[in-house]
């Protein structure tokens, strides 16, 4: 079962441009919405929220205790200041036992491959997460993939080779590769190509919203 995180919140009546007053007090405006009830405006202390968002991301459940009443949620959108990166506003999706969630689950490689341990080849980890659908009660933190069966160059593990908990529906293509044993020379060639093409390469741009929509 997936780890659940907890934060305290309070309902709020301050909306629109006045929410800037909350931020001065170290509070972050947020909204909880869902199919079964009207959106609920809340305010959350900045630091506990920052920690919960960092650890839970958009893949783990968070229990938001609103005025003492718990509500399980998944983070759907985090709006940040474009310059400072501080949290301006958060949208949470309320979930319950009947809610099916589509999310990403981390792939953890376990075990030891003898050819890798002997440094006769290199392991290429090509897929670090899997797309899954599950009830909130069926979510898991990660999926373990045993690489001890990879014994020769060219050996690989694909999504189709894995056995998954019955609670999960895997959305990836069965032919998606998770890990592969490559010859040492291949790593050298890839490194050389990367160095030659480094000039002019750029990192993907990350664009954040400057203001929460409710302030517009």
N, C-alpha and C. Protein backbone atom coordinates (compact mmCIF):
# COMPACT_ATOMS: atom_id res chain seq x y z
N UNK A 1 0.84 -1.20 0.00
CA UNK A 1 0.00 0.00 0.00
C UNK A 1 0.88 1.24 0.00
N UNK A 2 0.40 2.28 -0.66
CA UNK A 2 1.18 3.51 -0.78
C UNK A 2 1.21 4.28 0.53
N UNK A 3 2.30 5.00 0.75
CA UNK A 3 2.41 5.86 1.91
C UNK A 3 1.43 7.01 1.81
N UNK A 4 0.83 7.37 2.96
CA UNK A 4 -0.08 8.51 3.01
C UNK A 4 0.52 9.59 3.89
N UNK A 5 0.43 10.84 3.46
CA UNK A 5 0.98 11.97 4.19
C UNK A 5 -0.15 12.78 4.80
N UNK A 6 0.15 13.51 5.86
CA UNK A 6 -0.88 14.25 6.60
C UNK A 6 -0.50 15.72 6.75
N UNK A 7 -1.46 16.60 6.53
CA UNK A 7 -1.27 18.03 6.79
C UNK A 7 -2.55 18.60 7.40
N UNK A 8 -2.39 19.63 8.19
CA UNK A 8 -3.52 20.32 8.80
C UNK A 8 -3.92 21.52 7.96
N UNK A 9 -5.21 21.76 7.86
CA UNK A 9 -5.73 22.89 7.08
C UNK A 9 -6.93 23.49 7.81
N UNK A 10 -7.30 24.67 7.37
CA UNK A 10 -8.49 25.34 7.91
C UNK A 10 -9.30 25.88 6.74
N UNK A 11 -10.61 25.85 6.88
CA UNK A 11 -11.45 26.43 5.84
C UNK A 11 -11.18 27.92 5.78
N UNK A 12 -11.37 28.53 4.61
CA UNK A 12 -11.10 29.96 4.47
C UNK A 12 -12.25 30.66 3.74
N UNK A 13 -12.43 31.90 4.14
CA UNK A 13 -13.44 32.73 3.49
C UNK A 13 -12.80 33.79 2.60
N UNK A 14 -11.49 33.98 2.77
CA UNK A 14 -10.77 34.98 1.97
C UNK A 14 -10.50 34.42 0.58
N UNK A 15 -10.94 35.12 -0.44
CA UNK A 15 -10.74 34.68 -1.82
C UNK A 15 -10.30 35.86 -2.67
N UNK A 16 -10.05 35.60 -3.95
CA UNK A 16 -9.66 36.68 -4.86
C UNK A 16 -8.31 37.27 -4.52
N UNK A 17 -8.13 38.54 -4.80
CA UNK A 17 -6.85 39.21 -4.60
C UNK A 17 -6.46 39.30 -3.13
N UNK A 18 -7.44 39.18 -2.24
CA UNK A 18 -7.14 39.30 -0.81
C UNK A 18 -6.34 38.13 -0.27
N UNK A 19 -6.20 37.05 -1.05
CA UNK A 19 -5.45 35.90 -0.54
C UNK A 19 -3.98 36.26 -0.32
N UNK A 20 -3.51 37.36 -0.87
CA UNK A 20 -2.13 37.79 -0.62
C UNK A 20 -1.91 38.03 0.87
N UNK A 21 -3.00 38.38 1.58
CA UNK A 21 -2.90 38.58 3.03
C UNK A 21 -2.52 37.28 3.73
N UNK A 22 -3.03 36.17 3.22
CA UNK A 22 -2.72 34.87 3.81
C UNK A 22 -1.25 34.53 3.65
N UNK A 23 -0.71 34.83 2.49
CA UNK A 23 0.69 34.50 2.23
C UNK A 23 1.62 35.28 3.15
N UNK A 24 1.26 36.49 3.46
CA UNK A 24 2.05 37.29 4.40
C UNK A 24 2.08 36.62 5.76
N UNK A 25 1.01 35.90 6.10
CA UNK A 25 0.91 35.21 7.38
C UNK A 25 1.51 33.80 7.34
N UNK A 26 2.13 33.44 6.21
CA UNK A 26 2.73 32.11 6.10
C UNK A 26 1.73 31.03 5.76
N UNK A 27 0.60 31.41 5.16
CA UNK A 27 -0.43 30.45 4.78
C UNK A 27 -0.57 30.39 3.25
N UNK A 28 -0.93 29.23 2.74
CA UNK A 28 -1.10 29.06 1.30
C UNK A 28 -2.58 28.76 1.01
N UNK A 29 -3.21 29.53 0.12
CA UNK A 29 -4.59 29.22 -0.27
C UNK A 29 -4.61 27.97 -1.14
N UNK A 30 -5.62 27.14 -0.94
CA UNK A 30 -5.77 25.92 -1.72
C UNK A 30 -7.25 25.62 -1.89
N UNK A 31 -7.55 24.72 -2.80
CA UNK A 31 -8.93 24.29 -3.01
C UNK A 31 -8.97 22.78 -3.15
N UNK A 32 -9.99 22.17 -2.56
CA UNK A 32 -10.22 20.73 -2.68
C UNK A 32 -11.50 20.55 -3.49
N UNK A 33 -11.41 19.82 -4.58
CA UNK A 33 -12.59 19.61 -5.41
C UNK A 33 -12.75 18.12 -5.70
N UNK A 34 -13.95 17.76 -6.08
CA UNK A 34 -14.22 16.37 -6.39
C UNK A 34 -15.57 16.23 -7.06
N UNK A 35 -15.84 15.05 -7.56
CA UNK A 35 -17.09 14.83 -8.30
C UNK A 35 -18.31 14.82 -7.39
N UNK A 36 -18.11 14.53 -6.11
CA UNK A 36 -19.26 14.30 -5.24
C UNK A 36 -19.62 15.48 -4.34
N UNK A 37 -18.84 16.58 -4.40
CA UNK A 37 -19.18 17.72 -3.54
C UNK A 37 -18.64 19.02 -4.12
N UNK A 38 -19.14 20.11 -3.59
CA UNK A 38 -18.72 21.43 -4.04
C UNK A 38 -17.27 21.69 -3.62
N UNK A 39 -16.51 22.47 -4.41
CA UNK A 39 -15.13 22.79 -4.04
C UNK A 39 -15.07 23.46 -2.67
N UNK A 40 -14.02 23.12 -1.91
CA UNK A 40 -13.82 23.66 -0.57
C UNK A 40 -12.55 24.49 -0.57
N UNK A 41 -12.65 25.76 -0.18
CA UNK A 41 -11.48 26.63 -0.08
C UNK A 41 -10.83 26.44 1.29
N UNK A 42 -9.52 26.22 1.29
CA UNK A 42 -8.80 26.00 2.54
C UNK A 42 -7.52 26.83 2.55
N UNK A 43 -6.92 26.93 3.73
CA UNK A 43 -5.62 27.57 3.89
C UNK A 43 -4.73 26.64 4.70
N UNK A 44 -3.46 26.55 4.29
CA UNK A 44 -2.55 25.57 4.87
C UNK A 44 -1.23 26.25 5.23
N UNK A 45 -0.67 26.00 6.41
CA UNK A 45 0.65 26.54 6.75
C UNK A 45 1.69 26.16 5.71
N UNK A 46 2.53 27.12 5.37
CA UNK A 46 3.43 26.95 4.22
C UNK A 46 4.40 25.77 4.38
N UNK A 47 5.15 25.73 5.46
CA UNK A 47 6.22 24.73 5.58
C UNK A 47 5.70 23.30 5.58
N UNK A 48 4.68 22.95 6.38
CA UNK A 48 4.16 21.57 6.32
C UNK A 48 3.65 21.21 4.92
N UNK A 49 3.03 22.18 4.25
CA UNK A 49 2.55 21.93 2.88
C UNK A 49 3.72 21.68 1.94
N UNK A 50 4.75 22.49 2.05
CA UNK A 50 5.92 22.34 1.19
C UNK A 50 6.54 20.95 1.34
N UNK A 51 6.65 20.47 2.58
CA UNK A 51 7.23 19.15 2.84
C UNK A 51 6.34 18.04 2.27
N UNK A 52 5.03 18.17 2.48
CA UNK A 52 4.10 17.15 1.98
C UNK A 52 4.12 17.08 0.46
N UNK A 53 4.15 18.23 -0.20
CA UNK A 53 4.18 18.24 -1.66
C UNK A 53 5.49 17.66 -2.18
N UNK A 54 6.58 17.96 -1.49
CA UNK A 54 7.88 17.42 -1.90
C UNK A 54 7.90 15.90 -1.80
N UNK A 55 7.37 15.37 -0.71
CA UNK A 55 7.44 13.93 -0.48
C UNK A 55 6.36 13.15 -1.22
N UNK A 56 5.17 13.72 -1.31
CA UNK A 56 4.06 13.01 -1.93
C UNK A 56 4.00 13.21 -3.43
N UNK A 57 4.46 14.38 -3.91
CA UNK A 57 4.36 14.68 -5.32
C UNK A 57 2.92 14.60 -5.79
N UNK A 58 2.73 14.15 -7.01
CA UNK A 58 1.38 13.98 -7.52
C UNK A 58 0.97 12.53 -7.59
N UNK A 59 1.71 11.65 -6.87
CA UNK A 59 1.46 10.22 -6.99
C UNK A 59 1.03 9.57 -5.68
N UNK A 60 1.11 10.28 -4.57
CA UNK A 60 0.76 9.71 -3.28
C UNK A 60 -0.42 10.45 -2.65
N UNK A 61 -1.16 9.72 -1.84
CA UNK A 61 -2.28 10.31 -1.13
C UNK A 61 -1.81 11.23 -0.02
N UNK A 62 -2.56 12.31 0.17
CA UNK A 62 -2.34 13.22 1.29
C UNK A 62 -3.65 13.31 2.05
N UNK A 63 -3.60 13.15 3.37
CA UNK A 63 -4.76 13.38 4.20
C UNK A 63 -4.75 14.84 4.65
N UNK A 64 -5.68 15.61 4.16
CA UNK A 64 -5.81 17.01 4.56
C UNK A 64 -6.89 17.08 5.64
N UNK A 65 -6.49 17.44 6.84
CA UNK A 65 -7.44 17.56 7.94
C UNK A 65 -7.98 18.99 7.96
N UNK A 66 -9.19 19.16 7.44
CA UNK A 66 -9.80 20.49 7.35
C UNK A 66 -10.68 20.71 8.57
N UNK A 67 -10.23 21.59 9.45
CA UNK A 67 -10.95 21.86 10.71
C UNK A 67 -11.22 20.56 11.45
N UNK A 68 -10.24 19.64 11.42
CA UNK A 68 -10.37 18.38 12.15
C UNK A 68 -11.04 17.27 11.39
N UNK A 69 -11.54 17.54 10.18
CA UNK A 69 -12.21 16.52 9.37
C UNK A 69 -11.27 16.07 8.26
N UNK A 70 -10.86 14.80 8.25
CA UNK A 70 -9.88 14.33 7.25
C UNK A 70 -10.50 14.13 5.87
N UNK A 71 -9.71 14.45 4.85
CA UNK A 71 -10.10 14.22 3.46
C UNK A 71 -8.88 13.74 2.68
N UNK A 72 -8.99 12.58 2.06
CA UNK A 72 -7.89 12.06 1.25
C UNK A 72 -7.88 12.77 -0.10
N UNK A 73 -6.69 13.20 -0.53
CA UNK A 73 -6.58 13.94 -1.78
C UNK A 73 -5.33 13.52 -2.54
N UNK A 74 -5.32 13.87 -3.81
CA UNK A 74 -4.14 13.78 -4.67
C UNK A 74 -3.85 15.19 -5.18
N UNK A 75 -2.58 15.59 -5.21
CA UNK A 75 -2.22 16.91 -5.73
C UNK A 75 -2.41 16.94 -7.24
N UNK A 76 -3.16 17.93 -7.72
CA UNK A 76 -3.40 18.03 -9.15
C UNK A 76 -2.68 19.21 -9.79
N UNK A 77 -2.51 20.32 -9.08
CA UNK A 77 -1.80 21.46 -9.65
C UNK A 77 -1.20 22.30 -8.54
N UNK A 78 0.05 22.68 -8.74
CA UNK A 78 0.74 23.58 -7.81
C UNK A 78 1.18 24.81 -8.59
N UNK A 79 0.68 25.96 -8.19
CA UNK A 79 1.06 27.22 -8.84
C UNK A 79 2.15 27.89 -8.02
N UNK A 80 3.22 28.30 -8.69
CA UNK A 80 4.38 28.88 -8.00
C UNK A 80 4.72 30.25 -8.57
N UNK A 81 5.37 31.05 -7.74
CA UNK A 81 5.89 32.32 -8.19
C UNK A 81 6.97 32.07 -9.23
N UNK A 82 6.88 32.75 -10.36
CA UNK A 82 7.78 32.47 -11.47
C UNK A 82 9.23 32.86 -11.16
N UNK A 83 9.44 33.78 -10.25
CA UNK A 83 10.80 34.22 -9.90
C UNK A 83 11.35 33.45 -8.71
N UNK A 84 10.60 33.43 -7.62
CA UNK A 84 11.10 32.84 -6.37
C UNK A 84 10.80 31.35 -6.24
N UNK A 85 9.86 30.86 -6.99
CA UNK A 85 9.52 29.44 -6.91
C UNK A 85 8.68 29.09 -5.71
N UNK A 86 8.21 30.07 -4.96
CA UNK A 86 7.39 29.80 -3.78
C UNK A 86 5.99 29.36 -4.19
N UNK A 87 5.36 28.60 -3.31
CA UNK A 87 4.02 28.06 -3.59
C UNK A 87 2.99 29.16 -3.43
N UNK A 88 2.17 29.35 -4.46
CA UNK A 88 1.12 30.36 -4.43
C UNK A 88 -0.26 29.77 -4.18
N UNK A 89 -0.51 28.62 -4.76
CA UNK A 89 -1.85 28.04 -4.68
C UNK A 89 -1.76 26.56 -5.06
N UNK A 90 -2.63 25.75 -4.46
CA UNK A 90 -2.62 24.31 -4.75
C UNK A 90 -4.05 23.84 -5.01
N UNK A 91 -4.21 23.02 -6.04
CA UNK A 91 -5.47 22.34 -6.32
C UNK A 91 -5.33 20.88 -5.91
N UNK A 92 -6.25 20.41 -5.07
CA UNK A 92 -6.28 19.01 -4.65
C UNK A 92 -7.53 18.34 -5.20
N UNK A 93 -7.39 17.08 -5.63
CA UNK A 93 -8.52 16.28 -6.05
C UNK A 93 -8.88 15.33 -4.92
N UNK A 94 -10.12 15.43 -4.44
CA UNK A 94 -10.58 14.55 -3.37
C UNK A 94 -10.80 13.14 -3.92
N UNK A 95 -10.40 12.15 -3.16
CA UNK A 95 -10.57 10.75 -3.56
C UNK A 95 -11.20 9.98 -2.41
N UNK A 96 -11.87 8.89 -2.75
CA UNK A 96 -12.41 7.98 -1.74
C UNK A 96 -12.18 6.55 -2.20
N UNK A 97 -12.76 5.60 -1.50
CA UNK A 97 -12.49 4.19 -1.78
C UNK A 97 -12.95 3.77 -3.18
N UNK A 98 -13.88 4.52 -3.76
CA UNK A 98 -14.41 4.14 -5.08
C UNK A 98 -13.75 4.91 -6.22
N UNK A 99 -12.82 5.81 -5.90
CA UNK A 99 -12.17 6.63 -6.92
C UNK A 99 -11.00 5.88 -7.56
N UNK A 100 -11.02 5.76 -8.88
CA UNK A 100 -9.89 5.19 -9.60
C UNK A 100 -8.93 6.31 -10.00
N UNK A 101 -7.67 6.12 -9.69
CA UNK A 101 -6.66 7.15 -9.88
C UNK A 101 -5.66 6.69 -10.94
N UNK A 102 -5.34 7.58 -11.86
CA UNK A 102 -4.28 7.33 -12.83
C UNK A 102 -3.05 8.12 -12.41
N UNK A 103 -1.95 7.43 -12.24
CA UNK A 103 -0.75 8.09 -11.72
C UNK A 103 0.50 7.35 -12.17
N UNK A 104 1.67 7.84 -11.74
CA UNK A 104 2.95 7.22 -12.06
C UNK A 104 3.52 6.57 -10.80
N UNK A 105 4.04 5.35 -10.95
CA UNK A 105 4.64 4.62 -9.84
C UNK A 105 6.11 4.34 -10.18
N UNK A 106 6.98 4.58 -9.21
CA UNK A 106 8.42 4.41 -9.44
C UNK A 106 8.78 2.93 -9.63
N UNK A 107 9.76 2.69 -10.51
CA UNK A 107 10.32 1.36 -10.73
C UNK A 107 11.64 1.27 -9.98
N UNK A 108 11.74 0.30 -9.07
CA UNK A 108 12.97 0.09 -8.32
C UNK A 108 13.63 -1.21 -8.78
N UNK A 109 14.87 -1.14 -9.22
CA UNK A 109 15.61 -2.33 -9.60
C UNK A 109 16.22 -2.97 -8.37
N UNK A 110 15.97 -4.26 -8.20
CA UNK A 110 16.50 -4.99 -7.05
C UNK A 110 17.29 -6.19 -7.55
N UNK A 111 18.05 -6.82 -6.64
CA UNK A 111 18.85 -7.98 -7.00
C UNK A 111 20.16 -7.56 -7.65
N UNK A 112 20.97 -8.55 -7.99
CA UNK A 112 22.28 -8.30 -8.58
C UNK A 112 22.46 -9.13 -9.85
N UNK A 113 22.96 -8.49 -10.88
CA UNK A 113 23.30 -9.19 -12.12
C UNK A 113 24.80 -9.49 -12.09
N UNK A 114 25.14 -10.75 -12.23
CA UNK A 114 26.54 -11.14 -12.11
C UNK A 114 27.43 -10.45 -13.13
N UNK A 115 26.96 -10.32 -14.36
CA UNK A 115 27.78 -9.70 -15.40
C UNK A 115 28.04 -8.22 -15.10
N UNK A 116 27.09 -7.60 -14.42
CA UNK A 116 27.29 -6.20 -14.01
C UNK A 116 28.25 -6.12 -12.83
N UNK A 117 28.08 -7.04 -11.86
CA UNK A 117 28.96 -7.05 -10.70
C UNK A 117 30.42 -7.28 -11.10
N UNK A 118 30.62 -8.06 -12.16
CA UNK A 118 31.98 -8.33 -12.64
C UNK A 118 32.49 -7.23 -13.55
N UNK A 119 31.66 -6.21 -13.77
CA UNK A 119 32.02 -5.06 -14.60
C UNK A 119 32.37 -5.47 -16.03
N UNK A 120 31.64 -6.44 -16.53
CA UNK A 120 31.85 -6.90 -17.90
C UNK A 120 30.83 -6.29 -18.86
N UNK A 121 29.87 -5.53 -18.30
CA UNK A 121 28.83 -4.88 -19.10
C UNK A 121 28.22 -3.78 -18.25
N UNK A 122 27.30 -3.06 -18.86
CA UNK A 122 26.63 -1.98 -18.13
C UNK A 122 25.12 -2.20 -18.17
N UNK A 123 24.46 -1.74 -17.11
CA UNK A 123 23.01 -1.85 -17.02
C UNK A 123 22.39 -0.53 -17.43
N UNK A 124 21.48 -0.57 -18.38
CA UNK A 124 20.75 0.61 -18.82
C UNK A 124 19.33 0.53 -18.26
N UNK A 125 18.99 1.49 -17.41
CA UNK A 125 17.64 1.55 -16.83
C UNK A 125 16.82 2.50 -17.69
N UNK A 126 15.97 1.95 -18.55
CA UNK A 126 15.30 2.75 -19.57
C UNK A 126 13.92 3.27 -19.16
N UNK A 127 13.33 2.70 -18.13
CA UNK A 127 11.99 3.11 -17.72
C UNK A 127 11.96 3.22 -16.20
N UNK A 128 11.89 4.45 -15.67
CA UNK A 128 11.97 4.66 -14.23
C UNK A 128 10.61 4.73 -13.54
N UNK A 129 9.54 4.89 -14.31
CA UNK A 129 8.19 4.90 -13.75
C UNK A 129 7.24 4.12 -14.66
N UNK A 130 6.15 3.66 -14.08
CA UNK A 130 5.09 3.00 -14.83
C UNK A 130 3.79 3.75 -14.64
N UNK A 131 3.01 3.87 -15.68
CA UNK A 131 1.69 4.50 -15.58
C UNK A 131 0.69 3.44 -15.14
N UNK A 132 -0.04 3.74 -14.07
CA UNK A 132 -0.97 2.76 -13.53
C UNK A 132 -2.31 3.41 -13.24
N UNK A 133 -3.32 2.57 -13.14
CA UNK A 133 -4.64 3.00 -12.69
C UNK A 133 -5.05 2.07 -11.56
N UNK A 134 -5.59 2.64 -10.47
CA UNK A 134 -5.96 1.82 -9.33
C UNK A 134 -6.93 2.58 -8.45
N UNK A 135 -7.64 1.85 -7.61
CA UNK A 135 -8.40 2.48 -6.55
C UNK A 135 -7.41 3.09 -5.57
N UNK A 136 -7.86 4.10 -4.83
CA UNK A 136 -6.94 4.77 -3.90
C UNK A 136 -6.37 3.77 -2.89
N UNK A 137 -7.16 2.77 -2.51
CA UNK A 137 -6.69 1.78 -1.54
C UNK A 137 -5.70 0.80 -2.15
N UNK A 138 -5.61 0.76 -3.49
CA UNK A 138 -4.74 -0.19 -4.15
C UNK A 138 -3.44 0.38 -4.65
N UNK A 139 -3.19 1.67 -4.40
CA UNK A 139 -1.95 2.30 -4.85
C UNK A 139 -0.75 1.75 -4.09
N UNK A 140 0.39 1.71 -4.74
CA UNK A 140 1.64 1.28 -4.11
C UNK A 140 2.70 2.36 -4.32
N UNK A 141 3.71 2.36 -3.45
CA UNK A 141 4.79 3.35 -3.55
C UNK A 141 5.69 3.08 -4.74
N UNK A 142 5.95 1.80 -5.00
CA UNK A 142 6.90 1.46 -6.06
C UNK A 142 6.66 0.02 -6.52
N UNK A 143 7.27 -0.31 -7.64
CA UNK A 143 7.22 -1.67 -8.18
C UNK A 143 8.66 -2.18 -8.29
N UNK A 144 8.95 -3.30 -7.63
CA UNK A 144 10.29 -3.86 -7.64
C UNK A 144 10.49 -4.74 -8.88
N UNK A 145 11.65 -4.58 -9.52
CA UNK A 145 11.99 -5.37 -10.70
C UNK A 145 13.33 -6.06 -10.44
N UNK A 146 13.34 -7.38 -10.41
CA UNK A 146 14.53 -8.16 -10.10
C UNK A 146 15.40 -8.32 -11.35
N UNK A 147 16.65 -7.85 -11.28
CA UNK A 147 17.54 -7.91 -12.44
C UNK A 147 18.52 -9.08 -12.36
N UNK A 148 18.36 -9.93 -11.35
CA UNK A 148 19.33 -11.03 -11.19
C UNK A 148 19.29 -12.01 -12.35
N UNK A 149 18.19 -12.03 -13.10
CA UNK A 149 18.10 -12.93 -14.24
C UNK A 149 18.77 -12.42 -15.49
N UNK A 150 19.28 -11.20 -15.45
CA UNK A 150 20.01 -10.64 -16.60
C UNK A 150 21.46 -11.09 -16.51
N UNK A 151 21.85 -12.02 -17.36
CA UNK A 151 23.17 -12.63 -17.22
C UNK A 151 24.07 -12.43 -18.43
N UNK A 152 23.55 -11.89 -19.53
CA UNK A 152 24.35 -11.74 -20.74
C UNK A 152 24.01 -10.44 -21.45
N UNK A 153 24.98 -9.96 -22.23
CA UNK A 153 24.74 -8.75 -23.02
C UNK A 153 23.54 -8.97 -23.94
N UNK A 154 22.65 -8.01 -23.94
CA UNK A 154 21.44 -8.12 -24.75
C UNK A 154 20.22 -8.56 -23.96
N UNK A 155 20.44 -9.15 -22.79
CA UNK A 155 19.30 -9.52 -21.95
C UNK A 155 18.54 -8.27 -21.53
N UNK A 156 17.22 -8.38 -21.47
CA UNK A 156 16.41 -7.21 -21.13
C UNK A 156 15.14 -7.64 -20.40
N UNK A 157 14.54 -6.69 -19.72
CA UNK A 157 13.26 -6.90 -19.04
C UNK A 157 12.26 -5.92 -19.62
N UNK A 158 11.10 -6.45 -19.99
CA UNK A 158 10.03 -5.63 -20.56
C UNK A 158 8.84 -5.63 -19.61
N UNK A 159 7.94 -4.70 -19.83
CA UNK A 159 6.74 -4.62 -19.01
C UNK A 159 6.01 -5.96 -19.02
N UNK A 160 5.97 -6.62 -20.16
CA UNK A 160 5.25 -7.89 -20.29
C UNK A 160 5.85 -9.00 -19.43
N UNK A 161 7.09 -8.83 -18.99
CA UNK A 161 7.74 -9.87 -18.19
C UNK A 161 7.38 -9.80 -16.71
N UNK A 162 6.74 -8.74 -16.29
CA UNK A 162 6.50 -8.50 -14.86
C UNK A 162 5.16 -9.05 -14.41
N UNK A 163 5.10 -9.34 -13.11
CA UNK A 163 3.85 -9.71 -12.46
C UNK A 163 3.46 -8.57 -11.53
N UNK A 164 2.25 -8.07 -11.68
CA UNK A 164 1.81 -6.90 -10.92
C UNK A 164 0.72 -7.28 -9.92
N UNK A 165 0.59 -6.48 -8.86
CA UNK A 165 -0.52 -6.70 -7.93
C UNK A 165 -1.85 -6.60 -8.66
N UNK A 166 -2.81 -7.40 -8.23
CA UNK A 166 -4.12 -7.39 -8.88
C UNK A 166 -4.80 -6.03 -8.78
N UNK A 167 -4.39 -5.22 -7.81
CA UNK A 167 -5.02 -3.91 -7.60
C UNK A 167 -4.65 -2.91 -8.68
N UNK A 168 -3.60 -3.20 -9.46
CA UNK A 168 -3.09 -2.25 -10.44
C UNK A 168 -3.48 -2.64 -11.87
N UNK A 169 -3.87 -1.65 -12.64
CA UNK A 169 -4.01 -1.80 -14.09
C UNK A 169 -2.86 -1.04 -14.73
N UNK A 170 -1.98 -1.74 -15.45
CA UNK A 170 -0.81 -1.12 -16.05
C UNK A 170 -1.18 -0.54 -17.41
N UNK A 171 -0.86 0.74 -17.61
CA UNK A 171 -1.24 1.44 -18.83
C UNK A 171 -0.12 1.49 -19.87
N UNK A 172 1.08 1.08 -19.47
CA UNK A 172 2.20 1.07 -20.42
C UNK A 172 2.02 -0.01 -21.48
N UNK A 173 2.68 0.18 -22.61
CA UNK A 173 2.73 -0.84 -23.65
C UNK A 173 3.51 -2.04 -23.11
N UNK A 174 3.02 -3.26 -23.29
CA UNK A 174 3.74 -4.45 -22.81
C UNK A 174 5.16 -4.56 -23.36
N UNK A 175 5.42 -3.95 -24.52
CA UNK A 175 6.75 -4.02 -25.14
C UNK A 175 7.69 -2.92 -24.66
N UNK A 176 7.24 -2.07 -23.75
CA UNK A 176 8.13 -1.04 -23.19
C UNK A 176 9.26 -1.72 -22.41
N UNK A 177 10.50 -1.30 -22.70
CA UNK A 177 11.66 -1.89 -22.04
C UNK A 177 11.93 -1.18 -20.72
N UNK A 178 12.24 -1.96 -19.69
CA UNK A 178 12.53 -1.41 -18.37
C UNK A 178 14.03 -1.36 -18.12
N UNK A 179 14.75 -2.41 -18.46
CA UNK A 179 16.20 -2.45 -18.24
C UNK A 179 16.83 -3.40 -19.25
N UNK A 180 18.12 -3.15 -19.54
CA UNK A 180 18.82 -3.96 -20.53
C UNK A 180 20.31 -4.00 -20.20
N UNK A 181 20.94 -5.12 -20.54
CA UNK A 181 22.40 -5.25 -20.40
C UNK A 181 23.05 -4.83 -21.71
N UNK A 182 23.90 -3.83 -21.64
CA UNK A 182 24.61 -3.33 -22.81
C UNK A 182 26.10 -3.63 -22.70
N UNK A 183 26.80 -3.78 -23.82
CA UNK A 183 28.26 -3.95 -23.76
C UNK A 183 28.92 -2.66 -23.29
N UNK A 184 30.09 -2.79 -22.72
CA UNK A 184 30.81 -1.61 -22.23
C UNK A 184 31.07 -0.62 -23.34
N UNK A 185 31.37 -1.10 -24.54
CA UNK A 185 31.70 -0.21 -25.66
C UNK A 185 30.52 0.71 -25.99
N UNK A 186 29.31 0.20 -25.82
CA UNK A 186 28.13 1.01 -26.14
C UNK A 186 28.06 2.23 -25.24
N UNK A 187 28.45 2.07 -23.96
CA UNK A 187 28.43 3.20 -23.04
C UNK A 187 29.45 4.24 -23.45
N UNK A 188 30.64 3.79 -23.87
CA UNK A 188 31.67 4.71 -24.31
C UNK A 188 31.20 5.50 -25.52
N UNK A 189 30.57 4.80 -26.49
CA UNK A 189 30.09 5.46 -27.70
C UNK A 189 29.02 6.49 -27.38
N UNK A 190 28.08 6.14 -26.49
CA UNK A 190 27.01 7.05 -26.12
C UNK A 190 27.56 8.28 -25.43
N UNK A 191 28.58 8.08 -24.57
CA UNK A 191 29.18 9.21 -23.86
C UNK A 191 29.87 10.14 -24.83
N UNK A 192 30.60 9.58 -25.79
CA UNK A 192 31.31 10.39 -26.78
C UNK A 192 30.34 11.21 -27.61
N UNK A 193 29.25 10.56 -28.05
CA UNK A 193 28.26 11.27 -28.85
C UNK A 193 27.64 12.40 -28.06
N UNK A 194 27.41 12.17 -26.76
CA UNK A 194 26.82 13.20 -25.92
C UNK A 194 27.72 14.40 -25.78
N UNK A 195 29.05 14.15 -25.64
CA UNK A 195 30.01 15.25 -25.50
C UNK A 195 30.10 16.05 -26.78
N UNK A 196 30.06 15.35 -27.94
CA UNK A 196 30.18 16.04 -29.21
C UNK A 196 28.95 16.90 -29.49
N UNK A 197 27.80 16.44 -29.00
CA UNK A 197 26.57 17.19 -29.27
C UNK A 197 26.18 18.12 -28.15
N UNK A 198 27.07 18.28 -27.18
CA UNK A 198 26.72 19.08 -26.00
C UNK A 198 26.58 20.54 -26.34
N UNK A 199 27.41 21.06 -27.24
CA UNK A 199 27.35 22.47 -27.59
C UNK A 199 26.03 22.76 -28.29
N UNK A 200 25.36 23.74 -27.81
CA UNK A 200 24.09 24.11 -28.41
C UNK A 200 22.92 23.40 -27.79
N UNK A 201 23.18 22.37 -26.95
CA UNK A 201 22.08 21.68 -26.29
C UNK A 201 21.56 22.55 -25.17
N UNK A 202 20.30 22.41 -24.87
CA UNK A 202 19.71 23.21 -23.80
C UNK A 202 18.76 22.38 -23.00
N UNK A 203 18.57 22.76 -21.74
CA UNK A 203 17.65 22.06 -20.88
C UNK A 203 16.22 22.47 -21.22
N UNK A 204 15.25 21.57 -20.96
CA UNK A 204 13.86 21.94 -21.19
C UNK A 204 13.47 23.13 -20.33
N UNK A 205 12.69 24.01 -20.89
CA UNK A 205 12.22 25.15 -20.13
C UNK A 205 11.12 24.72 -19.18
N UNK A 206 11.13 25.31 -17.99
CA UNK A 206 10.07 25.08 -17.01
C UNK A 206 9.37 26.40 -16.78
N UNK A 207 8.10 26.46 -17.11
CA UNK A 207 7.35 27.70 -16.99
C UNK A 207 6.34 27.55 -15.87
N UNK A 208 6.40 28.44 -14.90
CA UNK A 208 5.47 28.40 -13.77
C UNK A 208 4.53 29.59 -13.84
N UNK A 209 3.34 29.43 -13.31
CA UNK A 209 2.40 30.53 -13.25
C UNK A 209 2.86 31.56 -12.23
N UNK A 210 2.71 32.79 -12.54
CA UNK A 210 3.14 33.83 -11.63
C UNK A 210 2.12 34.11 -10.56
N UNK A 211 0.88 33.85 -10.83
CA UNK A 211 -0.18 34.15 -9.89
C UNK A 211 -1.24 33.07 -9.88
N UNK A 212 -1.86 32.85 -8.77
CA UNK A 212 -2.99 31.94 -8.71
C UNK A 212 -4.14 32.53 -9.51
N UNK A 213 -4.90 31.65 -10.15
CA UNK A 213 -5.97 32.10 -11.03
C UNK A 213 -7.02 32.91 -10.26
N UNK A 214 -7.20 32.58 -9.00
CA UNK A 214 -8.25 33.27 -8.26
C UNK A 214 -7.91 34.72 -7.97
N UNK A 215 -6.64 35.12 -8.24
CA UNK A 215 -6.25 36.51 -8.03
C UNK A 215 -6.50 37.35 -9.25
N UNK A 216 -6.75 36.68 -10.39
CA UNK A 216 -6.93 37.43 -11.63
C UNK A 216 -8.24 38.19 -11.63
